[in-house]
PDB file of N, CA and C in Angstrom:
ATOM      1  N   MET A   1       0.920   1.683  16.510  1.00  0.00           N
ATOM      2  CA  MET A   1       0.749   0.255  16.319  1.00  0.00           C
ATOM      3  C   MET A   1       2.045  -0.267  16.607  1.00  0.00           C
ATOM      4  N   PHE A   2       2.235  -1.185  17.567  1.00  0.00           N
ATOM      5  CA  PHE A   2       3.527  -1.834  17.813  1.00  0.00           C
ATOM      6  C   PHE A   2       4.859  -0.832  18.140  1.00  0.00           C
ATOM      7  N   ALA A   3       4.701   0.084  19.010  1.00  0.00           N
ATOM      8  CA  ALA A   3       5.690   0.968  19.360  1.00  0.00           C
ATOM      9  C   ALA A   3       7.102   0.230  19.532  1.00  0.00           C
ATOM     10  N   GLU A   4       6.969  -0.850  20.195  1.00  0.00           N
ATOM     11  CA  GLU A   4       8.335  -1.621  20.508  1.00  0.00           C
ATOM     12  C   GLU A   4       9.145  -2.127  19.212  1.00  0.00           C
ATOM     13  N   TYR A   5       8.226  -1.830  18.199  1.00  0.00           N
ATOM     14  CA  TYR A   5       8.892  -2.354  16.792  1.00  0.00           C
ATOM     15  C   TYR A   5       9.159  -1.200  15.951  1.00  0.00           C
ATOM     16  N   ARG A   6       9.015   0.047  16.083  1.00  0.00           N
ATOM     17  CA  ARG A   6       8.897   1.098  15.349  1.00  0.00           C
ATOM     18  C   ARG A   6      10.403   0.965  14.556  1.00  0.00           C
ATOM     19  N   GLU A   7      11.507   0.873  15.180  1.00  0.00           N
ATOM     20  CA  GLU A   7      12.751   0.692  14.203  1.00  0.00           C
ATOM     21  C   GLU A   7      12.392  -0.338  13.124  1.00  0.00           C
ATOM     22  N   LEU A   8      12.145  -1.553  13.398  1.00  0.00           N
ATOM     23  CA  LEU A   8      11.975  -2.636  12.554  1.00  0.00           C
ATOM     24  C   LEU A   8      10.820  -2.269  11.508  1.00  0.00           C
ATOM     25  N   ILE A   9       9.790  -1.815  11.741  1.00  0.00           N
ATOM     26  CA  ILE A   9       8.760  -1.237  10.946  1.00  0.00           C
ATOM     27  C   ILE A   9       9.154  -0.554   9.805  1.00  0.00           C
ATOM     28  N   SER A  10      10.167   0.582  10.410  1.00  0.00           N
ATOM     29  CA  SER A  10      10.758   1.635   9.333  1.00  0.00           C
ATOM     30  C   SER A  10      11.604   0.775   8.451  1.00  0.00           C
ATOM     31  N   THR A  11      12.324  -0.137   8.861  1.00  0.00           N
ATOM     32  CA  THR A  11      13.185  -0.689   7.935  1.00  0.00           C
ATOM     33  C   THR A  11      12.519  -1.760   7.096  1.00  0.00           C
ATOM     34  N   LEU A  12      11.614  -2.390   7.615  1.00  0.00           N
ATOM     35  CA  LEU A  12      10.574  -3.120   6.736  1.00  0.00           C
ATOM     36  C   LEU A  12      10.009  -2.665   5.620  1.00  0.00           C
ATOM     37  N   LYS A  13       9.220  -1.484   6.145  1.00  0.00           N
ATOM     38  CA  LYS A  13       8.490  -0.519   5.242  1.00  0.00           C
ATOM     39  C   LYS A  13       9.415  -0.184   3.949  1.00  0.00           C
ATOM     40  N   THR A  14      10.757  -0.105   4.126  1.00  0.00           N
ATOM     41  CA  THR A  14      11.547   0.299   2.829  1.00  0.00           C
ATOM     42  C   THR A  14      12.097  -0.915   2.251  1.00  0.00           C
ATOM     43  N   LYS A  15      12.212  -2.099   2.822  1.00  0.00           N
ATOM     44  CA  LYS A  15      12.816  -3.031   2.203  1.00  0.00           C
ATOM     45  C   LYS A  15      12.087  -4.357   1.970  1.00  0.00           C
ATOM     46  N   ASP A  16      10.792  -4.274   2.311  1.00  0.00           N
ATOM     47  CA  ASP A  16       9.834  -5.543   2.105  1.00  0.00           C
ATOM     48  C   ASP A  16       8.601  -5.227   1.576  1.00  0.00           C
ATOM     49  N   ALA A  17       8.483  -5.426   0.290  1.00  0.00           N
ATOM     50  CA  ALA A  17       7.247  -4.740  -0.438  1.00  0.00           C
ATOM     51  C   ALA A  17       6.048  -5.425   0.149  1.00  0.00           C
ATOM     52  N   HIS A  18       6.079  -6.758   0.472  1.00  0.00           N
ATOM     53  CA  HIS A  18       4.918  -7.547   1.067  1.00  0.00           C
ATOM     54  C   HIS A  18       4.497  -6.870   2.348  1.00  0.00           C
ATOM     55  N   PHE A  19       5.401  -6.351   3.219  1.00  0.00           N
ATOM     56  CA  PHE A  19       5.004  -6.026   4.594  1.00  0.00           C
ATOM     57  C   PHE A  19       4.537  -4.569   4.288  1.00  0.00           C
ATOM     58  N   GLN A  20       5.095  -3.656   3.481  1.00  0.00           N
ATOM     59  CA  GLN A  20       4.701  -2.371   2.935  1.00  0.00           C
ATOM     60  C   GLN A  20       3.238  -2.476   2.658  1.00  0.00           C
ATOM     61  N   ARG A  21       2.867  -3.382   1.913  1.00  0.00           N
ATOM     62  CA  ARG A  21       1.418  -3.604   1.313  1.00  0.00           C
ATOM     63  C   ARG A  21       0.536  -3.852   2.494  1.00  0.00           C
ATOM     64  N   LYS A  22       0.912  -4.726   3.321  1.00  0.00           N
ATOM     65  CA  LYS A  22       0.206  -5.075   4.723  1.00  0.00           C
ATOM     66  C   LYS A  22       0.000  -3.851   5.445  1.00  0.00           C
ATOM     67  N   PHE A  23       1.058  -3.123   5.663  1.00  0.00           N
ATOM     68  CA  PHE A  23       1.035  -1.982   6.611  1.00  0.00           C
ATOM     69  C   PHE A  23       0.212  -0.847   6.003  1.00  0.00           C
ATOM     70  N   ASP A  24       0.315  -0.628   4.778  1.00  0.00           N
ATOM     71  CA  ASP A  24      -0.637   0.351   3.998  1.00  0.00           C
ATOM     72  C   ASP A  24      -2.052   0.010   4.123  1.00  0.00           C
ATOM     73  N   GLU A  25      -2.412  -1.167   3.689  1.00  0.00           N
ATOM     74  CA  GLU A  25      -3.757  -1.705   3.780  1.00  0.00           C
ATOM     75  C   GLU A  25      -4.435  -1.616   5.172  1.00  0.00           C
ATOM     76  N   HIS A  26      -3.477  -1.845   6.296  1.00  0.00           N
ATOM     77  CA  HIS A  26      -3.997  -1.613   7.514  1.00  0.00           C
ATOM     78  C   HIS A  26      -4.306  -0.331   7.882  1.00  0.00           C
ATOM     79  N   ASN A  27      -3.281   0.599   7.454  1.00  0.00           N
ATOM     80  CA  ASN A  27      -3.606   2.072   7.693  1.00  0.00           C
ATOM     81  C   ASN A  27      -4.860   2.695   6.890  1.00  0.00           C
ATOM     82  N   HIS A  28      -5.035   2.197   5.733  1.00  0.00           N
ATOM     83  CA  HIS A  28      -6.303   2.534   4.935  1.00  0.00           C
ATOM     84  C   HIS A  28      -7.366   2.031   5.563  1.00  0.00           C
ATOM     85  N   LEU A  29      -7.528   0.735   5.974  1.00  0.00           N
ATOM     86  CA  LEU A  29      -8.674   0.289   6.753  1.00  0.00           C
ATOM     87  C   LEU A  29      -8.897   1.094   7.925  1.00  0.00           C
ATOM     88  N   ASP A  30      -8.032   1.532   8.672  1.00  0.00           N
ATOM     89  CA  ASP A  30      -7.983   2.247   9.864  1.00  0.00           C
ATOM     90  C   ASP A  30      -8.625   3.691   9.638  1.00  0.00           C
ATOM     91  N   GLU A  31      -8.444   4.314   8.462  1.00  0.00           N
ATOM     92  CA  GLU A  31      -8.816   5.737   8.170  1.00  0.00           C
ATOM     93  C   GLU A  31     -10.163   5.459   7.605  1.00  0.00           C
ATOM     94  N   GLU A  32     -10.427   4.312   6.901  1.00  0.00           N
ATOM     95  CA  GLU A  32     -11.895   4.033   6.426  1.00  0.00           C
ATOM     96  C   GLU A  32     -12.906   3.894   7.545  1.00  0.00           C
ATOM     97  N   ILE A  33     -12.278   3.155   8.602  1.00  0.00           N
ATOM     98  CA  ILE A  33     -13.326   2.984   9.756  1.00  0.00           C
ATOM     99  C   ILE A  33     -13.505   4.138  10.511  1.00  0.00           C
ATOM    100  N   LYS A  34     -12.406   4.791  10.752  1.00  0.00           N
ATOM    101  CA  LYS A  34     -12.693   6.305  11.405  1.00  0.00           C
ATOM    102  C   LYS A  34     -13.619   7.172  10.559  1.00  0.00           C
ATOM    103  N   GLN A  35     -13.590   7.066   9.226  1.00  0.00           N
ATOM    104  CA  GLN A  35     -14.489   8.081   8.616  1.00  0.00           C
ATOM    105  C   GLN A  35     -16.017   7.474   8.626  1.00  0.00           C
ATOM    106  N   LEU A  36     -16.287   6.131   8.604  1.00  0.00           N
ATOM    107  CA  LEU A  36     -17.487   5.522   8.691  1.00  0.00           C
ATOM    108  C   LEU A  36     -17.988   5.690  10.210  1.00  0.00           C
ATOM    109  N   GLU A  37     -17.153   5.548  11.061  1.00  0.00           N
ATOM    110  CA  GLU A  37     -17.637   5.834  12.470  1.00  0.00           C
ATOM    111  C   GLU A  37     -18.079   7.254  12.809  1.00  0.00           C
ATOM    112  N   LYS A  38     -17.680   8.301  12.007  1.00  0.00           N
ATOM    113  CA  LYS A  38     -18.019   9.589  12.106  1.00  0.00           C
ATOM    114  C   LYS A  38     -19.456   9.758  11.671  1.00  0.00           C
ATOM    115  N   ARG A  39     -19.946   8.795  10.758  1.00  0.00           N
ATOM    116  CA  ARG A  39     -21.127   9.054  10.125  1.00  0.00           C
ATOM    117  C   ARG A  39     -22.346   7.918  10.533  1.00  0.00           C
ATOM    118  N   VAL A  40     -21.952   6.935  11.215  1.00  0.00           N
ATOM    119  CA  VAL A  40     -23.046   5.817  11.576  1.00  0.00           C
ATOM    120  C   VAL A  40     -22.524   5.276  12.923  1.00  0.00           C
ATOM    121  N   ALA A  41     -23.441   4.586  13.680  1.00  0.00           N
ATOM    122  CA  ALA A  41     -23.078   3.781  14.783  1.00  0.00           C
ATOM    123  C   ALA A  41     -22.371   2.667  14.801  1.00  0.00           C
ATOM    124  N   SER A  42     -21.003   2.613  15.056  1.00  0.00           N
ATOM    125  CA  SER A  42     -20.192   1.490  14.515  1.00  0.00           C
ATOM    126  C   SER A  42     -20.548   0.315  15.193  1.00  0.00           C
ATOM    127  N   ASP A  43     -21.015   0.247  16.338  1.00  0.00           N
ATOM    128  CA  ASP A  43     -21.520  -0.981  17.110  1.00  0.00           C
ATOM    129  C   ASP A  43     -22.414  -1.886  16.329  1.00  0.00           C
ATOM    130  N   PHE A  44     -23.320  -1.264  15.627  1.00  0.00           N
ATOM    131  CA  PHE A  44     -24.692  -1.858  14.960  1.00  0.00           C
ATOM    132  C   PHE A  44     -24.301  -1.942  13.421  1.00  0.00           C
ATOM    133  N   ASN A  45     -23.225  -1.553  12.887  1.00  0.00           N
ATOM    134  CA  ASN A  45     -23.121  -1.465  11.330  1.00  0.00           C
ATOM    135  C   ASN A  45     -22.199  -2.538  10.929  1.00  0.00           C
ATOM    136  N   PRO A  46     -22.860  -3.404  10.282  1.00  0.00           N
ATOM    137  CA  PRO A  46     -22.182  -4.649   9.600  1.00  0.00           C
ATOM    138  C   PRO A  46     -20.930  -4.283   8.823  1.00  0.00           C
ATOM    139  N   ALA A  47     -20.998  -3.087   8.116  1.00  0.00           N
ATOM    140  CA  ALA A  47     -19.675  -2.843   7.237  1.00  0.00           C
ATOM    141  C   ALA A  47     -18.479  -2.404   8.110  1.00  0.00           C
ATOM    142  N   VAL A  48     -18.947  -1.642   9.185  1.00  0.00           N
ATOM    143  CA  VAL A  48     -17.809  -1.190   9.986  1.00  0.00           C
ATOM    144  C   VAL A  48     -17.231  -2.551  10.693  1.00  0.00           C
ATOM    145  N   LYS A  49     -17.972  -3.264  11.327  1.00  0.00           N
ATOM    146  CA  LYS A  49     -17.589  -4.564  11.879  1.00  0.00           C
ATOM    147  C   LYS A  49     -16.898  -5.384  11.038  1.00  0.00           C
ATOM    148  N   GLU A  50     -17.192  -5.680   9.667  1.00  0.00           N
ATOM    149  CA  GLU A  50     -16.392  -6.252   8.711  1.00  0.00           C
ATOM    150  C   GLU A  50     -14.928  -5.714   8.486  1.00  0.00           C
ATOM    151  N   LEU A  51     -15.004  -4.313   8.513  1.00  0.00           N
ATOM    152  CA  LEU A  51     -13.714  -3.631   8.183  1.00  0.00           C
ATOM    153  C   LEU A  51     -12.889  -3.698   9.490  1.00  0.00           C
ATOM    154  N   LYS A  52     -13.508  -3.878  10.442  1.00  0.00           N
ATOM    155  CA  LYS A  52     -12.707  -4.037  11.761  1.00  0.00           C
ATOM    156  C   LYS A  52     -12.124  -5.370  11.776  1.00  0.00           C
ATOM    157  N   SER A  53     -12.950  -6.499  11.350  1.00  0.00           N
ATOM    158  CA  SER A  53     -12.176  -7.773  11.393  1.00  0.00           C
ATOM    159  C   SER A  53     -11.065  -7.807  10.326  1.00  0.00           C
ATOM    160  N   LYS A  54     -11.289  -7.204   9.194  1.00  0.00           N
ATOM    161  CA  LYS A  54     -10.039  -7.221   8.120  1.00  0.00           C
ATOM    162  C   LYS A  54      -8.931  -6.608   8.988  1.00  0.00           C
ATOM    163  N   LYS A  55      -9.096  -5.508   9.452  1.00  0.00           N
ATOM    164  CA  LYS A  55      -8.130  -4.699  10.048  1.00  0.00           C
ATOM    165  C   LYS A  55      -7.278  -5.660  11.116  1.00  0.00           C
ATOM    166  N   LEU A  56      -8.022  -6.409  12.029  1.00  0.00           N
ATOM    167  CA  LEU A  56      -7.591  -7.117  13.087  1.00  0.00           C
ATOM    168  C   LEU A  56      -6.709  -8.122  12.400  1.00  0.00           C
ATOM    169  N   ARG A  57      -7.238  -8.794  11.346  1.00  0.00           N
ATOM    170  CA  ARG A  57      -6.525  -9.961  10.732  1.00  0.00           C
ATOM    171  C   ARG A  57      -5.184  -9.450  10.072  1.00  0.00           C
ATOM    172  N   LEU A  58      -5.044  -8.295   9.584  1.00  0.00           N
ATOM    173  CA  LEU A  58      -3.829  -7.664   9.047  1.00  0.00           C
ATOM    174  C   LEU A  58      -3.139  -7.219   9.990  1.00  0.00           C
ATOM    175  N   LYS A  59      -3.382  -6.833  11.347  1.00  0.00           N
ATOM    176  CA  LYS A  59      -2.630  -6.483  12.354  1.00  0.00           C
ATOM    177  C   LYS A  59      -1.918  -7.845  12.884  1.00  0.00           C
ATOM    178  N   GLU A  60      -2.646  -8.879  13.014  1.00  0.00           N
ATOM    179  CA  GLU A  60      -2.220 -10.216  13.326  1.00  0.00           C
ATOM    180  C   GLU A  60      -1.029 -10.571  12.335  1.00  0.00           C
ATOM    181  N   GLU A  61      -1.202 -10.515  10.986  1.00  0.00           N
ATOM    182  CA  GLU A  61      -0.176 -10.651   9.923  1.00  0.00           C
ATOM    183  C   GLU A  61       1.090  -9.758  10.218  1.00  0.00           C
ATOM    184  N   ILE A  62       0.832  -8.684  10.279  1.00  0.00           N
ATOM    185  CA  ILE A  62       1.860  -7.665  10.433  1.00  0.00           C
ATOM    186  C   ILE A  62       2.589  -8.172  11.963  1.00  0.00           C
ATOM    187  N   TYR A  63       2.083  -8.439  13.017  1.00  0.00           N
ATOM    188  CA  TYR A  63       2.801  -8.885  13.986  1.00  0.00           C
ATOM    189  C   TYR A  63       3.502 -10.206  13.873  1.00  0.00           C
ATOM    190  N   GLN A  64       2.948 -11.014  13.089  1.00  0.00           N
ATOM    191  CA  GLN A  64       3.675 -12.475  12.688  1.00  0.00           C
ATOM    192  C   GLN A  64       5.022 -12.041  11.929  1.00  0.00           C
ATOM    193  N   ILE A  65       4.837 -11.076  11.041  1.00  0.00           N
ATOM    194  CA  ILE A  65       6.083 -10.691  10.113  1.00  0.00           C
ATOM    195  C   ILE A  65       7.203  -9.973  11.096  1.00  0.00           C
ATOM    196  N   LEU A  66       6.820  -9.192  11.972  1.00  0.00           N
ATOM    197  CA  LEU A  66       7.608  -8.556  12.897  1.00  0.00           C
ATOM    198  C   LEU A  66       8.224  -9.359  13.826  1.00  0.00           C
ATOM    199  N   LYS A  67       7.493 -10.471  14.272  1.00  0.00           N
ATOM    200  CA  LYS A  67       8.210 -11.469  15.260  1.00  0.00           C
ATOM    201  C   LYS A  67       9.185 -12.319  14.410  1.00  0.00           C
ATOM    202  N   SER A  68       8.961 -12.663  13.040  1.00  0.00           N
ATOM    203  CA  SER A  68       9.759 -13.544  12.448  1.00  0.00           C
ATOM    204  C   SER A  68      11.223 -12.673  12.171  1.00  0.00           C
ATOM    205  N   HIS A  69      11.158 -11.573  12.206  1.00  0.00           N
ATOM    206  CA  HIS A  69      12.438 -10.579  11.843  1.00  0.00           C
ATOM    207  C   HIS A  69      13.112 -10.233  13.146  1.00  0.00           C
ATOM    208  N   GLN A  70      12.778 -10.804  14.409  1.00  0.00           N
ATOM    209  CA  GLN A  70      13.568 -10.457  15.700  1.00  0.00           C
ATOM    210  C   GLN A  70      14.702 -11.318  15.693  1.00  0.00           C
TER     211      GLN A  70
END
């Protein structure tokens, strides 16, 4: 995620607790989605759809934080 911000992400993960929580939550949702998709058809599962929506909102928040630190 956001390869062009790799260095900034590493820095923020160690210095910004809010960013770290958002980043960890995004990764947790990603893993949860992967596990659910192994068991169910994701396109028709409302739980997977909701998790993907949450993950996208987090990704947008993370991107805004990254942009604000440039």
